């Protein structure tokens, strides 16, 4: 496990996630889009079933 310099704190999970998204590029965007569509489909389905 590599240690960072004492003046530099551990990167936050948000920063690590953003760095990972930038490195992975289109795969991350595709997964994000699929997740968004999935959540919207669930919400629309629940709204339809509970009307």
C-alpha atoms as a PDB file:
ATOM      1  CA  UNK A   1       0.000   0.000   0.000  1.00  0.00           C
ATOM      2  CA  UNK A   2       1.530   3.329  -0.979  1.00  0.00           C
ATOM      3  CA  UNK A   3       1.501   6.206   1.464  1.00  0.00           C
ATOM      4  CA  UNK A   4       0.996   9.782   0.387  1.00  0.00           C
ATOM      5  CA  UNK A   5       3.144  12.632   1.628  1.00  0.00           C
ATOM      6  CA  UNK A   6       2.307  13.959   5.117  1.00  0.00           C
ATOM      7  CA  UNK A   7       1.072  17.305   3.772  1.00  0.00           C
ATOM      8  CA  UNK A   8      -1.350  15.642   1.351  1.00  0.00           C
ATOM      9  CA  UNK A   9      -4.468  14.142   2.917  1.00  0.00           C
ATOM     10  CA  UNK A  10      -6.198  10.986   1.694  1.00  0.00           C
ATOM     11  CA  UNK A  11      -8.342  11.745  -1.387  1.00  0.00           C
ATOM     12  CA  UNK A  12     -12.059  11.633  -0.700  1.00  0.00           C
ATOM     13  CA  UNK A  13     -14.294   8.962  -2.182  1.00  0.00           C
ATOM     14  CA  UNK A  14     -15.819  11.633  -4.417  1.00  0.00           C
ATOM     15  CA  UNK A  15     -12.422  12.599  -5.816  1.00  0.00           C
ATOM     16  CA  UNK A  16     -11.527   8.949  -6.386  1.00  0.00           C
ATOM     17  CA  UNK A  17     -14.851   8.327  -8.145  1.00  0.00           C
ATOM     18  CA  UNK A  18     -14.404  11.389 -10.357  1.00  0.00           C
ATOM     19  CA  UNK A  19     -10.831  10.338 -11.242  1.00  0.00           C
ATOM     20  CA  UNK A  20     -12.066   6.832 -12.047  1.00  0.00           C
ATOM     21  CA  UNK A  21     -14.842   8.237 -14.274  1.00  0.00           C
ATOM     22  CA  UNK A  22     -12.350  10.385 -16.185  1.00  0.00           C
ATOM     23  CA  UNK A  23      -9.994   7.440 -16.698  1.00  0.00           C
ATOM     24  CA  UNK A  24     -12.728   5.018 -17.813  1.00  0.00           C
ATOM     25  CA  UNK A  25     -14.420   7.560 -20.081  1.00  0.00           C
ATOM     26  CA  UNK A  26     -17.303   6.272 -22.195  1.00  0.00           C
ATOM     27  CA  UNK A  27     -17.830   3.093 -20.129  1.00  0.00           C
ATOM     28  CA  UNK A  28     -18.584   5.204 -17.059  1.00  0.00           C
ATOM     29  CA  UNK A  29     -20.930   7.442 -19.013  1.00  0.00           C
ATOM     30  CA  UNK A  30     -22.769   4.421 -20.405  1.00  0.00           C
ATOM     31  CA  UNK A  31     -23.173   2.921 -16.929  1.00  0.00           C
ATOM     32  CA  UNK A  32     -24.311   6.288 -15.541  1.00  0.00           C
ATOM     33  CA  UNK A  33     -26.906   6.614 -18.315  1.00  0.00           C
ATOM     34  CA  UNK A  34     -28.166   3.060 -17.758  1.00  0.00           C
ATOM     35  CA  UNK A  35     -28.432   3.676 -14.011  1.00  0.00           C
ATOM     36  CA  UNK A  36     -30.339   6.911 -14.588  1.00  0.00           C
ATOM     37  CA  UNK A  37     -32.737   5.204 -16.999  1.00  0.00           C
ATOM     38  CA  UNK A  38     -33.229   2.349 -14.533  1.00  0.00           C
ATOM     39  CA  UNK A  39     -34.096   4.693 -11.669  1.00  0.00           C
ATOM     40  CA  UNK A  40     -36.478   6.669 -13.891  1.00  0.00           C
ATOM     41  CA  UNK A  41     -38.141   3.433 -15.063  1.00  0.00           C
ATOM     42  CA  UNK A  42     -38.646   2.327 -11.449  1.00  0.00           C
ATOM     43  CA  UNK A  43     -40.128   5.698 -10.491  1.00  0.00           C
ATOM     44  CA  UNK A  44     -42.457   5.762 -13.504  1.00  0.00           C
ATOM     45  CA  UNK A  45     -43.478   2.170 -12.821  1.00  0.00           C
ATOM     46  CA  UNK A  46     -44.258   2.921  -9.189  1.00  0.00           C
ATOM     47  CA  UNK A  47     -46.187   6.043 -10.155  1.00  0.00           C
ATOM     48  CA  UNK A  48     -48.219   3.977 -12.632  1.00  0.00           C
ATOM     49  CA  UNK A  49     -48.921   1.184 -10.150  1.00  0.00           C
ATOM     50  CA  UNK A  50     -49.914   3.511  -7.316  1.00  0.00           C
ATOM     51  CA  UNK A  51     -52.107   5.949  -9.239  1.00  0.00           C
END
